[in-house]
Amino acid sequence: MAFRAFRLGNLAGSAQALVFAALTAGLVVVFYVFYLRVLLEDRVSLQTEIIRLESAVAQRRTLESRLRQFEGECARLDQRLEILRGILPTRKETADVLRSIQRMADASRLKIIKFIPQPVAPRPFYYDWPIILEVEGNYHALLTFFERARRLTRIVHVDSLTVKGINGSADPLRSLSAICTITTFVFKEAIPDPQ
């Protein structure tokens, strides 16, 4: 019953302040233990997670910029490879070579008499592909033809050249006959086609 008779107002001012301070401290402790401590722990773990994620994002950005650089370099290398494939193709491409030689001969005013592809000869990283070529024309046309062959994208080597005059020819455009071996090259990584 004594507890029912207890009134806070009956206590001295300092005792009232002390009771109020004790109740406030108790409420603060209860608030901290059951609510604020969990929030603070969550905050620390979230800050740690944010730091980890920011680091991961920075790494990804670095990787992304390097990937863009590599993609650009890869595109440049692909373009370079296409140019090099024109110079040293991976297949014999007999029809293309014949068309190219025919165009050069026509433009030079030469007449192709024989076009005889020979078997390929293996080298360390490429094949020699010789072609025996016989043409008729004049000296100027023959020189023009060789100059055009020199300008081809594909590597072409001319050797074993034999030039003879055509006896009894009255045509100034057909004053000589020439036989030579035109050698072109095929990259060895690919198997030459049987054309």
N, C-alpha and C. Protein backbone atom coordinates (compact mmCIF):
# COMPACT_ATOMS: atom_id res chain seq x y z
N MET A 1 0.79 -1.18 0.00
CA MET A 1 0.00 0.00 0.00
C MET A 1 0.84 1.26 0.00
N ALA A 2 2.02 1.08 0.45
CA ALA A 2 2.90 2.23 0.53
C ALA A 2 3.24 2.73 -0.87
N PHE A 3 3.22 1.76 -1.77
CA PHE A 3 3.56 2.15 -3.13
C PHE A 3 2.46 3.00 -3.75
N ARG A 4 1.19 2.73 -3.37
CA ARG A 4 0.09 3.52 -3.90
C ARG A 4 0.11 4.94 -3.33
N ALA A 5 0.61 5.06 -2.22
CA ALA A 5 0.65 6.37 -1.59
C ALA A 5 1.82 7.20 -2.09
N PHE A 6 2.71 6.52 -2.83
CA PHE A 6 3.89 7.22 -3.34
C PHE A 6 3.50 8.20 -4.42
N ARG A 7 3.96 9.40 -4.27
CA ARG A 7 3.74 10.44 -5.27
C ARG A 7 5.09 11.09 -5.55
N LEU A 8 5.33 11.34 -6.82
CA LEU A 8 6.59 11.95 -7.24
C LEU A 8 6.69 13.38 -6.71
N GLY A 9 5.56 14.00 -6.58
CA GLY A 9 5.54 15.38 -6.10
C GLY A 9 5.92 15.49 -4.63
N ASN A 10 5.83 14.39 -3.86
CA ASN A 10 6.17 14.41 -2.45
C ASN A 10 7.69 14.39 -2.25
N LEU A 11 8.43 14.06 -3.27
CA LEU A 11 9.90 13.98 -3.15
C LEU A 11 10.51 15.37 -3.30
N ALA A 12 11.72 15.45 -2.82
CA ALA A 12 12.44 16.71 -2.92
C ALA A 12 12.80 16.95 -4.38
N GLY A 13 13.09 18.15 -4.74
CA GLY A 13 13.40 18.54 -6.14
C GLY A 13 14.58 17.77 -6.68
N SER A 14 15.62 17.59 -5.87
CA SER A 14 16.79 16.86 -6.36
C SER A 14 16.47 15.39 -6.53
N ALA A 15 15.65 14.83 -5.69
CA ALA A 15 15.25 13.42 -5.81
C ALA A 15 14.38 13.25 -7.05
N GLN A 16 13.51 14.23 -7.29
CA GLN A 16 12.68 14.16 -8.50
C GLN A 16 13.55 14.20 -9.76
N ALA A 17 14.55 15.04 -9.75
CA ALA A 17 15.46 15.13 -10.89
C ALA A 17 16.23 13.84 -11.07
N LEU A 18 16.62 13.24 -9.95
CA LEU A 18 17.36 11.98 -10.01
C LEU A 18 16.47 10.86 -10.55
N VAL A 19 15.25 10.77 -10.15
CA VAL A 19 14.30 9.76 -10.65
C VAL A 19 14.04 10.01 -12.14
N PHE A 20 13.84 11.26 -12.50
CA PHE A 20 13.61 11.59 -13.91
C PHE A 20 14.83 11.22 -14.75
N ALA A 21 16.03 11.51 -14.24
CA ALA A 21 17.26 11.18 -14.96
C ALA A 21 17.41 9.66 -15.08
N ALA A 22 17.08 8.92 -14.02
CA ALA A 22 17.19 7.45 -14.05
C ALA A 22 16.20 6.88 -15.05
N LEU A 23 14.98 7.37 -15.09
CA LEU A 23 13.98 6.89 -16.05
C LEU A 23 14.41 7.22 -17.48
N THR A 24 14.93 8.42 -17.67
CA THR A 24 15.39 8.82 -19.00
C THR A 24 16.55 7.93 -19.44
N ALA A 25 17.50 7.70 -18.54
CA ALA A 25 18.65 6.84 -18.85
C ALA A 25 18.17 5.43 -19.17
N GLY A 26 17.22 4.93 -18.41
CA GLY A 26 16.68 3.59 -18.66
C GLY A 26 16.01 3.51 -20.03
N LEU A 27 15.23 4.53 -20.36
CA LEU A 27 14.58 4.55 -21.68
C LEU A 27 15.61 4.63 -22.81
N VAL A 28 16.67 5.43 -22.60
CA VAL A 28 17.73 5.55 -23.61
C VAL A 28 18.42 4.20 -23.79
N VAL A 29 18.73 3.51 -22.66
CA VAL A 29 19.38 2.19 -22.74
C VAL A 29 18.47 1.21 -23.46
N VAL A 30 17.20 1.18 -23.11
CA VAL A 30 16.25 0.27 -23.77
C VAL A 30 16.15 0.62 -25.27
N PHE A 31 16.06 1.90 -25.58
CA PHE A 31 15.98 2.33 -26.98
C PHE A 31 17.25 1.91 -27.73
N TYR A 32 18.42 2.10 -27.09
CA TYR A 32 19.68 1.74 -27.76
C TYR A 32 19.77 0.23 -27.94
N VAL A 33 19.48 -0.54 -26.89
CA VAL A 33 19.65 -2.00 -26.95
C VAL A 33 18.69 -2.61 -27.95
N PHE A 34 17.44 -2.21 -27.94
CA PHE A 34 16.44 -2.88 -28.79
C PHE A 34 16.25 -2.25 -30.17
N TYR A 35 16.71 -1.03 -30.40
CA TYR A 35 16.43 -0.39 -31.69
C TYR A 35 17.68 0.24 -32.33
N LEU A 36 18.32 1.17 -31.63
CA LEU A 36 19.39 1.95 -32.22
C LEU A 36 20.65 1.12 -32.50
N ARG A 37 21.00 0.17 -31.62
CA ARG A 37 22.19 -0.65 -31.83
C ARG A 37 22.09 -1.44 -33.14
N VAL A 38 20.91 -2.00 -33.40
CA VAL A 38 20.69 -2.75 -34.65
C VAL A 38 20.83 -1.83 -35.85
N LEU A 39 20.29 -0.63 -35.76
CA LEU A 39 20.41 0.33 -36.86
C LEU A 39 21.86 0.74 -37.09
N LEU A 40 22.60 0.95 -36.01
CA LEU A 40 24.01 1.34 -36.14
C LEU A 40 24.84 0.20 -36.75
N GLU A 41 24.55 -1.04 -36.32
CA GLU A 41 25.26 -2.20 -36.90
C GLU A 41 24.92 -2.33 -38.40
N ASP A 42 23.64 -2.13 -38.72
CA ASP A 42 23.23 -2.18 -40.13
C ASP A 42 23.93 -1.06 -40.92
N ARG A 43 24.04 0.10 -40.32
CA ARG A 43 24.69 1.22 -40.98
C ARG A 43 26.16 0.90 -41.28
N VAL A 44 26.86 0.32 -40.31
CA VAL A 44 28.28 -0.03 -40.50
C VAL A 44 28.40 -1.08 -41.60
N SER A 45 27.53 -2.10 -41.57
CA SER A 45 27.62 -3.14 -42.61
C SER A 45 27.26 -2.57 -43.98
N LEU A 46 26.28 -1.64 -44.02
CA LEU A 46 25.93 -1.01 -45.30
C LEU A 46 27.07 -0.13 -45.82
N GLN A 47 27.75 0.59 -44.91
CA GLN A 47 28.89 1.39 -45.35
C GLN A 47 30.01 0.50 -45.90
N THR A 48 30.24 -0.62 -45.23
CA THR A 48 31.24 -1.58 -45.72
C THR A 48 30.84 -2.11 -47.10
N GLU A 49 29.57 -2.43 -47.26
CA GLU A 49 29.06 -2.93 -48.54
C GLU A 49 29.16 -1.86 -49.63
N ILE A 50 28.88 -0.61 -49.26
CA ILE A 50 28.99 0.49 -50.23
C ILE A 50 30.44 0.64 -50.70
N ILE A 51 31.38 0.57 -49.77
CA ILE A 51 32.80 0.68 -50.13
C ILE A 51 33.19 -0.47 -51.06
N ARG A 52 32.73 -1.70 -50.73
CA ARG A 52 33.03 -2.85 -51.57
C ARG A 52 32.43 -2.69 -52.97
N LEU A 53 31.17 -2.24 -53.02
CA LEU A 53 30.51 -2.07 -54.32
C LEU A 53 31.14 -0.94 -55.14
N GLU A 54 31.52 0.15 -54.49
CA GLU A 54 32.19 1.25 -55.21
C GLU A 54 33.52 0.77 -55.79
N SER A 55 34.23 -0.04 -55.01
CA SER A 55 35.49 -0.60 -55.51
C SER A 55 35.23 -1.52 -56.71
N ALA A 56 34.18 -2.34 -56.62
CA ALA A 56 33.83 -3.24 -57.73
C ALA A 56 33.43 -2.43 -58.97
N VAL A 57 32.68 -1.36 -58.75
CA VAL A 57 32.26 -0.51 -59.88
C VAL A 57 33.48 0.14 -60.53
N ALA A 58 34.42 0.61 -59.71
CA ALA A 58 35.64 1.23 -60.26
C ALA A 58 36.43 0.20 -61.07
N GLN A 59 36.52 -1.03 -60.56
CA GLN A 59 37.21 -2.09 -61.30
C GLN A 59 36.49 -2.37 -62.62
N ARG A 60 35.16 -2.43 -62.57
CA ARG A 60 34.39 -2.71 -63.79
C ARG A 60 34.56 -1.59 -64.82
N ARG A 61 34.61 -0.35 -64.34
CA ARG A 61 34.81 0.77 -65.26
C ARG A 61 36.19 0.68 -65.92
N THR A 62 37.19 0.33 -65.13
CA THR A 62 38.53 0.15 -65.68
C THR A 62 38.52 -0.97 -66.72
N LEU A 63 37.89 -2.08 -66.36
CA LEU A 63 37.81 -3.20 -67.30
C LEU A 63 37.02 -2.82 -68.56
N GLU A 64 35.96 -2.04 -68.38
CA GLU A 64 35.15 -1.62 -69.52
C GLU A 64 35.96 -0.73 -70.46
N SER A 65 36.73 0.19 -69.89
CA SER A 65 37.54 1.06 -70.76
C SER A 65 38.62 0.25 -71.45
N ARG A 66 39.21 -0.72 -70.76
CA ARG A 66 40.21 -1.58 -71.39
C ARG A 66 39.56 -2.44 -72.47
N LEU A 67 38.34 -2.90 -72.21
CA LEU A 67 37.62 -3.70 -73.21
C LEU A 67 37.38 -2.88 -74.47
N ARG A 68 36.99 -1.62 -74.31
CA ARG A 68 36.79 -0.74 -75.47
C ARG A 68 38.10 -0.56 -76.24
N GLN A 69 39.20 -0.40 -75.50
CA GLN A 69 40.50 -0.27 -76.16
C GLN A 69 40.83 -1.55 -76.93
N PHE A 70 40.60 -2.70 -76.29
CA PHE A 70 40.88 -3.98 -76.95
C PHE A 70 39.99 -4.20 -78.16
N GLU A 71 38.72 -3.80 -78.05
CA GLU A 71 37.81 -3.95 -79.20
C GLU A 71 38.27 -3.07 -80.36
N GLY A 72 38.69 -1.84 -80.04
CA GLY A 72 39.21 -0.96 -81.09
C GLY A 72 40.46 -1.53 -81.72
N GLU A 73 41.36 -2.04 -80.89
CA GLU A 73 42.59 -2.64 -81.40
C GLU A 73 42.27 -3.88 -82.23
N CYS A 74 41.30 -4.66 -81.77
CA CYS A 74 40.89 -5.85 -82.52
C CYS A 74 40.31 -5.48 -83.89
N ALA A 75 39.52 -4.42 -83.93
CA ALA A 75 38.95 -3.96 -85.21
C ALA A 75 40.07 -3.49 -86.14
N ARG A 76 41.05 -2.76 -85.59
CA ARG A 76 42.19 -2.33 -86.42
C ARG A 76 42.98 -3.52 -86.93
N LEU A 77 43.18 -4.51 -86.07
CA LEU A 77 43.92 -5.71 -86.48
C LEU A 77 43.15 -6.52 -87.51
N ASP A 78 41.81 -6.57 -87.38
CA ASP A 78 41.00 -7.25 -88.39
C ASP A 78 41.13 -6.57 -89.75
N GLN A 79 41.13 -5.23 -89.75
CA GLN A 79 41.31 -4.51 -91.01
C GLN A 79 42.69 -4.79 -91.59
N ARG A 80 43.68 -4.79 -90.74
CA ARG A 80 45.06 -5.08 -91.20
C ARG A 80 45.15 -6.51 -91.74
N LEU A 81 44.49 -7.45 -91.07
CA LEU A 81 44.49 -8.84 -91.53
C LEU A 81 43.85 -8.97 -92.90
N GLU A 82 42.77 -8.23 -93.13
CA GLU A 82 42.12 -8.28 -94.45
C GLU A 82 43.06 -7.74 -95.54
N ILE A 83 43.79 -6.68 -95.21
CA ILE A 83 44.77 -6.15 -96.17
C ILE A 83 45.85 -7.19 -96.44
N LEU A 84 46.34 -7.81 -95.36
CA LEU A 84 47.39 -8.82 -95.52
C LEU A 84 46.88 -10.05 -96.26
N ARG A 85 45.62 -10.40 -96.08
CA ARG A 85 45.05 -11.54 -96.82
C ARG A 85 44.99 -11.22 -98.31
N GLY A 86 44.86 -9.95 -98.66
CA GLY A 86 44.90 -9.57 -100.07
C GLY A 86 46.31 -9.72 -100.63
N ILE A 87 47.30 -9.45 -99.80
CA ILE A 87 48.69 -9.56 -100.23
C ILE A 87 49.14 -11.02 -100.24
N LEU A 88 48.80 -11.75 -99.19
CA LEU A 88 49.17 -13.16 -99.08
C LEU A 88 47.91 -13.95 -98.70
N PRO A 89 47.09 -14.29 -99.71
CA PRO A 89 45.81 -14.95 -99.42
C PRO A 89 46.00 -16.36 -98.86
N THR A 90 44.92 -16.89 -98.33
CA THR A 90 44.95 -18.22 -97.73
C THR A 90 44.54 -19.32 -98.71
N ARG A 91 44.12 -18.93 -99.92
CA ARG A 91 43.74 -19.91 -100.95
C ARG A 91 44.38 -19.51 -102.27
N LYS A 92 44.51 -20.47 -103.17
CA LYS A 92 45.12 -20.18 -104.47
C LYS A 92 44.25 -19.24 -105.30
N GLU A 93 42.95 -19.42 -105.29
CA GLU A 93 42.01 -18.55 -106.01
C GLU A 93 42.36 -18.46 -107.50
N THR A 94 42.44 -19.62 -108.14
CA THR A 94 42.85 -19.70 -109.54
C THR A 94 42.00 -18.81 -110.44
N ALA A 95 40.70 -18.86 -110.27
CA ALA A 95 39.81 -18.06 -111.13
C ALA A 95 40.10 -16.57 -110.97
N ASP A 96 40.29 -16.11 -109.73
CA ASP A 96 40.58 -14.69 -109.48
C ASP A 96 41.91 -14.28 -110.10
N VAL A 97 42.92 -15.14 -109.95
CA VAL A 97 44.23 -14.83 -110.52
C VAL A 97 44.14 -14.78 -112.04
N LEU A 98 43.44 -15.75 -112.63
CA LEU A 98 43.29 -15.75 -114.09
C LEU A 98 42.57 -14.49 -114.57
N ARG A 99 41.48 -14.11 -113.89
CA ARG A 99 40.75 -12.89 -114.27
C ARG A 99 41.65 -11.66 -114.15
N SER A 100 42.42 -11.60 -113.07
CA SER A 100 43.30 -10.47 -112.85
C SER A 100 44.37 -10.38 -113.94
N ILE A 101 44.97 -11.51 -114.27
CA ILE A 101 45.99 -11.52 -115.33
C ILE A 101 45.36 -11.20 -116.68
N GLN A 102 44.15 -11.70 -116.91
CA GLN A 102 43.46 -11.42 -118.17
C GLN A 102 43.16 -9.93 -118.30
N ARG A 103 42.70 -9.31 -117.21
CA ARG A 103 42.43 -7.86 -117.24
C ARG A 103 43.71 -7.07 -117.50
N MET A 104 44.79 -7.46 -116.82
CA MET A 104 46.07 -6.75 -117.04
C MET A 104 46.55 -6.93 -118.48
N ALA A 105 46.40 -8.15 -119.01
CA ALA A 105 46.83 -8.40 -120.40
C ALA A 105 45.98 -7.59 -121.37
N ASP A 106 44.67 -7.58 -121.16
CA ASP A 106 43.79 -6.80 -122.04
C ASP A 106 44.13 -5.31 -121.97
N ALA A 107 44.35 -4.80 -120.77
CA ALA A 107 44.66 -3.38 -120.61
C ALA A 107 46.03 -3.05 -121.20
N SER A 108 46.92 -4.02 -121.26
CA SER A 108 48.26 -3.81 -121.82
C SER A 108 48.34 -4.15 -123.30
N ARG A 109 47.26 -4.64 -123.87
CA ARG A 109 47.18 -5.06 -125.27
C ARG A 109 48.05 -6.28 -125.56
N LEU A 110 48.04 -7.20 -124.58
CA LEU A 110 48.70 -8.50 -124.78
C LEU A 110 47.64 -9.56 -124.97
N LYS A 111 48.00 -10.59 -125.71
CA LYS A 111 47.10 -11.72 -125.91
C LYS A 111 47.69 -12.91 -125.14
N ILE A 112 46.89 -13.49 -124.24
CA ILE A 112 47.34 -14.65 -123.48
C ILE A 112 47.20 -15.88 -124.37
N ILE A 113 48.31 -16.58 -124.58
CA ILE A 113 48.32 -17.81 -125.38
C ILE A 113 48.17 -19.02 -124.46
N LYS A 114 48.93 -19.02 -123.33
CA LYS A 114 48.87 -20.13 -122.38
C LYS A 114 48.83 -19.58 -120.95
N PHE A 115 48.05 -20.26 -120.12
CA PHE A 115 47.99 -19.97 -118.69
C PHE A 115 47.98 -21.34 -118.03
N ILE A 116 49.12 -21.78 -117.49
CA ILE A 116 49.23 -23.15 -116.97
C ILE A 116 49.65 -23.10 -115.50
N PRO A 117 48.68 -23.24 -114.57
CA PRO A 117 49.04 -23.29 -113.14
C PRO A 117 49.85 -24.55 -112.85
N GLN A 118 50.88 -24.40 -112.04
CA GLN A 118 51.75 -25.51 -111.65
C GLN A 118 51.42 -25.90 -110.20
N PRO A 119 51.91 -27.07 -109.76
CA PRO A 119 51.69 -27.47 -108.36
C PRO A 119 52.39 -26.49 -107.41
N VAL A 120 51.82 -26.36 -106.23
CA VAL A 120 52.40 -25.47 -105.24
C VAL A 120 53.66 -26.10 -104.65
N ALA A 121 54.59 -25.24 -104.24
CA ALA A 121 55.83 -25.69 -103.61
C ALA A 121 55.84 -25.17 -102.17
N PRO A 122 55.95 -26.06 -101.20
CA PRO A 122 55.91 -25.61 -99.80
C PRO A 122 57.16 -24.85 -99.38
N ARG A 123 56.95 -23.83 -98.59
CA ARG A 123 58.01 -23.05 -97.95
C ARG A 123 57.71 -23.04 -96.45
N PRO A 124 58.55 -22.39 -95.63
CA PRO A 124 58.32 -22.46 -94.18
C PRO A 124 56.92 -22.04 -93.73
N PHE A 125 56.38 -20.92 -94.21
CA PHE A 125 55.05 -20.50 -93.76
C PHE A 125 54.13 -20.13 -94.91
N TYR A 126 54.52 -20.44 -96.12
CA TYR A 126 53.70 -20.15 -97.29
C TYR A 126 54.00 -21.18 -98.38
N TYR A 127 53.22 -21.11 -99.44
CA TYR A 127 53.44 -21.94 -100.62
C TYR A 127 53.78 -21.04 -101.80
N ASP A 128 54.74 -21.45 -102.62
CA ASP A 128 54.96 -20.81 -103.92
C ASP A 128 53.96 -21.44 -104.87
N TRP A 129 53.30 -20.62 -105.66
CA TRP A 129 52.38 -21.15 -106.65
C TRP A 129 52.78 -20.59 -108.02
N PRO A 130 53.60 -21.35 -108.76
CA PRO A 130 54.03 -20.87 -110.07
C PRO A 130 52.97 -21.09 -111.15
N ILE A 131 52.93 -20.16 -112.07
CA ILE A 131 52.01 -20.24 -113.22
C ILE A 131 52.83 -19.92 -114.47
N ILE A 132 52.82 -20.83 -115.42
CA ILE A 132 53.52 -20.56 -116.68
C ILE A 132 52.57 -19.75 -117.55
N LEU A 133 53.09 -18.65 -118.08
CA LEU A 133 52.28 -17.73 -118.85
C LEU A 133 52.98 -17.45 -120.18
N GLU A 134 52.24 -17.59 -121.26
CA GLU A 134 52.76 -17.22 -122.59
C GLU A 134 51.83 -16.16 -123.15
N VAL A 135 52.45 -15.08 -123.62
CA VAL A 135 51.69 -13.95 -124.18
C VAL A 135 52.31 -13.52 -125.50
N GLU A 136 51.50 -12.81 -126.29
CA GLU A 136 51.97 -12.20 -127.52
C GLU A 136 51.61 -10.73 -127.50
N GLY A 137 52.49 -9.91 -128.03
CA GLY A 137 52.25 -8.47 -128.10
C GLY A 137 53.48 -7.77 -128.58
N ASN A 138 53.74 -6.58 -128.07
CA ASN A 138 54.97 -5.87 -128.42
C ASN A 138 55.70 -5.50 -127.13
N TYR A 139 56.90 -4.92 -127.26
CA TYR A 139 57.71 -4.62 -126.08
C TYR A 139 57.00 -3.67 -125.12
N HIS A 140 56.40 -2.65 -125.64
CA HIS A 140 55.70 -1.68 -124.80
C HIS A 140 54.57 -2.36 -124.02
N ALA A 141 53.79 -3.19 -124.70
CA ALA A 141 52.68 -3.89 -124.03
C ALA A 141 53.22 -4.82 -122.95
N LEU A 142 54.33 -5.51 -123.21
CA LEU A 142 54.92 -6.42 -122.24
C LEU A 142 55.40 -5.65 -121.00
N LEU A 143 56.05 -4.52 -121.21
CA LEU A 143 56.50 -3.71 -120.08
C LEU A 143 55.33 -3.15 -119.28
N THR A 144 54.28 -2.73 -119.99
CA THR A 144 53.08 -2.23 -119.31
C THR A 144 52.45 -3.34 -118.46
N PHE A 145 52.41 -4.55 -119.01
CA PHE A 145 51.85 -5.70 -118.29
C PHE A 145 52.65 -5.95 -117.00
N PHE A 146 53.97 -5.96 -117.09
CA PHE A 146 54.79 -6.20 -115.91
C PHE A 146 54.65 -5.08 -114.88
N GLU A 147 54.49 -3.86 -115.35
CA GLU A 147 54.27 -2.74 -114.44
C GLU A 147 52.93 -2.90 -113.70
N ARG A 148 51.92 -3.33 -114.41
CA ARG A 148 50.61 -3.57 -113.77
C ARG A 148 50.70 -4.73 -112.77
N ALA A 149 51.45 -5.76 -113.12
CA ALA A 149 51.64 -6.90 -112.21
C ALA A 149 52.34 -6.45 -110.93
N ARG A 150 53.26 -5.52 -111.07
CA ARG A 150 53.98 -5.00 -109.90
C ARG A 150 53.04 -4.27 -108.95
N ARG A 151 52.00 -3.66 -109.46
CA ARG A 151 51.07 -2.88 -108.65
C ARG A 151 49.94 -3.70 -108.03
N LEU A 152 49.86 -4.98 -108.35
CA LEU A 152 48.80 -5.81 -107.79
C LEU A 152 48.88 -5.84 -106.27
N THR A 153 47.75 -5.98 -105.64
CA THR A 153 47.73 -6.12 -104.18
C THR A 153 48.39 -7.44 -103.80
N ARG A 154 48.06 -8.48 -104.49
CA ARG A 154 48.63 -9.79 -104.23
C ARG A 154 50.09 -9.80 -104.70
N ILE A 155 50.97 -10.43 -103.94
CA ILE A 155 52.38 -10.48 -104.30
C ILE A 155 52.55 -11.37 -105.53
N VAL A 156 53.22 -10.83 -106.55
CA VAL A 156 53.47 -11.56 -107.79
C VAL A 156 54.94 -11.39 -108.14
N HIS A 157 55.60 -12.51 -108.44
CA HIS A 157 57.01 -12.50 -108.82
C HIS A 157 57.12 -13.06 -110.24
N VAL A 158 57.78 -12.35 -111.11
CA VAL A 158 57.95 -12.79 -112.50
C VAL A 158 59.41 -13.20 -112.69
N ASP A 159 59.62 -14.43 -113.20
CA ASP A 159 60.98 -14.86 -113.52
C ASP A 159 60.96 -15.81 -114.72
N SER A 160 62.12 -16.29 -115.08
CA SER A 160 62.28 -17.19 -116.23
C SER A 160 61.65 -16.60 -117.49
N LEU A 161 61.93 -15.35 -117.74
CA LEU A 161 61.36 -14.66 -118.89
C LEU A 161 62.16 -14.98 -120.15
N THR A 162 61.45 -15.43 -121.17
CA THR A 162 62.04 -15.67 -122.48
C THR A 162 61.23 -14.90 -123.51
N VAL A 163 61.90 -14.03 -124.26
CA VAL A 163 61.21 -13.21 -125.26
C VAL A 163 61.77 -13.57 -126.63
N LYS A 164 60.87 -13.79 -127.61
CA LYS A 164 61.26 -14.09 -128.99
C LYS A 164 60.43 -13.23 -129.93
N GLY A 165 61.06 -12.83 -130.99
CA GLY A 165 60.31 -12.12 -132.02
C GLY A 165 59.45 -13.11 -132.80
N ILE A 166 58.31 -12.64 -133.28
CA ILE A 166 57.43 -13.47 -134.10
C ILE A 166 57.85 -13.25 -135.56
N ASN A 167 58.36 -14.30 -136.17
CA ASN A 167 58.82 -14.21 -137.56
C ASN A 167 57.66 -13.95 -138.50
N GLY A 168 57.85 -13.01 -139.37
CA GLY A 168 56.88 -12.72 -140.42
C GLY A 168 55.64 -12.00 -139.94
N SER A 169 55.64 -11.44 -138.73
CA SER A 169 54.46 -10.74 -138.23
C SER A 169 54.42 -9.33 -138.81
N ALA A 170 53.32 -8.99 -139.45
CA ALA A 170 53.14 -7.65 -140.01
C ALA A 170 52.38 -6.76 -139.03
N ASP A 171 51.83 -7.35 -137.99
CA ASP A 171 51.04 -6.60 -137.00
C ASP A 171 51.99 -5.98 -135.97
N PRO A 172 52.07 -4.65 -135.86
CA PRO A 172 52.99 -4.03 -134.90
C PRO A 172 52.58 -4.31 -133.44
N LEU A 173 51.32 -4.68 -133.23
CA LEU A 173 50.87 -5.02 -131.87
C LEU A 173 51.21 -6.46 -131.50
N ARG A 174 51.65 -7.28 -132.47
CA ARG A 174 52.01 -8.67 -132.22
C ARG A 174 53.40 -8.95 -132.81
N SER A 175 54.42 -8.31 -132.26
CA SER A 175 55.77 -8.45 -132.80
C SER A 175 56.64 -9.41 -131.98
N LEU A 176 56.15 -9.83 -130.78
CA LEU A 176 56.96 -10.74 -129.97
C LEU A 176 56.08 -11.73 -129.22
N SER A 177 56.73 -12.78 -128.79
CA SER A 177 56.11 -13.80 -127.95
C SER A 177 56.96 -13.91 -126.69
N ALA A 178 56.32 -13.96 -125.52
CA ALA A 178 57.06 -14.04 -124.26
C ALA A 178 56.50 -15.19 -123.43
N ILE A 179 57.41 -15.95 -122.82
CA ILE A 179 57.02 -17.01 -121.89
C ILE A 179 57.73 -16.68 -120.57
N CYS A 180 56.96 -16.73 -119.50
CA CYS A 180 57.55 -16.47 -118.18
C CYS A 180 56.83 -17.30 -117.14
N THR A 181 57.42 -17.34 -115.98
CA THR A 181 56.78 -17.98 -114.83
C THR A 181 56.37 -16.86 -113.88
N ILE A 182 55.09 -16.79 -113.63
CA ILE A 182 54.57 -15.85 -112.65
C ILE A 182 54.34 -16.65 -111.38
N THR A 183 54.98 -16.26 -110.30
CA THR A 183 54.82 -16.97 -109.04
C THR A 183 54.05 -16.06 -108.09
N THR A 184 53.00 -16.61 -107.55
CA THR A 184 52.27 -15.91 -106.50
C THR A 184 52.35 -16.79 -105.27
N PHE A 185 51.87 -16.31 -104.15
CA PHE A 185 52.10 -17.00 -102.89
C PHE A 185 50.80 -17.19 -102.14
N VAL A 186 50.76 -18.29 -101.37
CA VAL A 186 49.57 -18.64 -100.59
C VAL A 186 50.02 -18.89 -99.16
N PHE A 187 49.33 -18.30 -98.22
CA PHE A 187 49.67 -18.47 -96.80
C PHE A 187 49.48 -19.93 -96.42
N LYS A 188 50.44 -20.52 -95.74
CA LYS A 188 50.47 -21.95 -95.49
C LYS A 188 49.47 -22.42 -94.44
N GLU A 189 48.96 -21.55 -93.62
CA GLU A 189 48.05 -21.98 -92.57
C GLU A 189 46.83 -22.67 -93.14
N ALA A 190 46.40 -22.24 -94.31
CA ALA A 190 45.24 -22.85 -94.96
C ALA A 190 45.75 -23.87 -95.97
N ILE A 191 44.94 -24.88 -96.21
CA ILE A 191 45.26 -25.87 -97.23
C ILE A 191 44.86 -25.31 -98.58
N PRO A 192 45.78 -25.29 -99.56
CA PRO A 192 45.42 -24.73 -100.86
C PRO A 192 44.31 -25.54 -101.51
N ASP A 193 43.37 -24.82 -102.13
CA ASP A 193 42.29 -25.53 -102.80
C ASP A 193 42.81 -26.15 -104.10
N PRO A 194 42.17 -27.21 -104.57
CA PRO A 194 42.68 -27.94 -105.72
C PRO A 194 42.32 -27.31 -107.06
N GLN A 195 41.95 -26.07 -107.12
CA GLN A 195 41.55 -25.43 -108.40
C GLN A 195 42.65 -25.45 -109.40
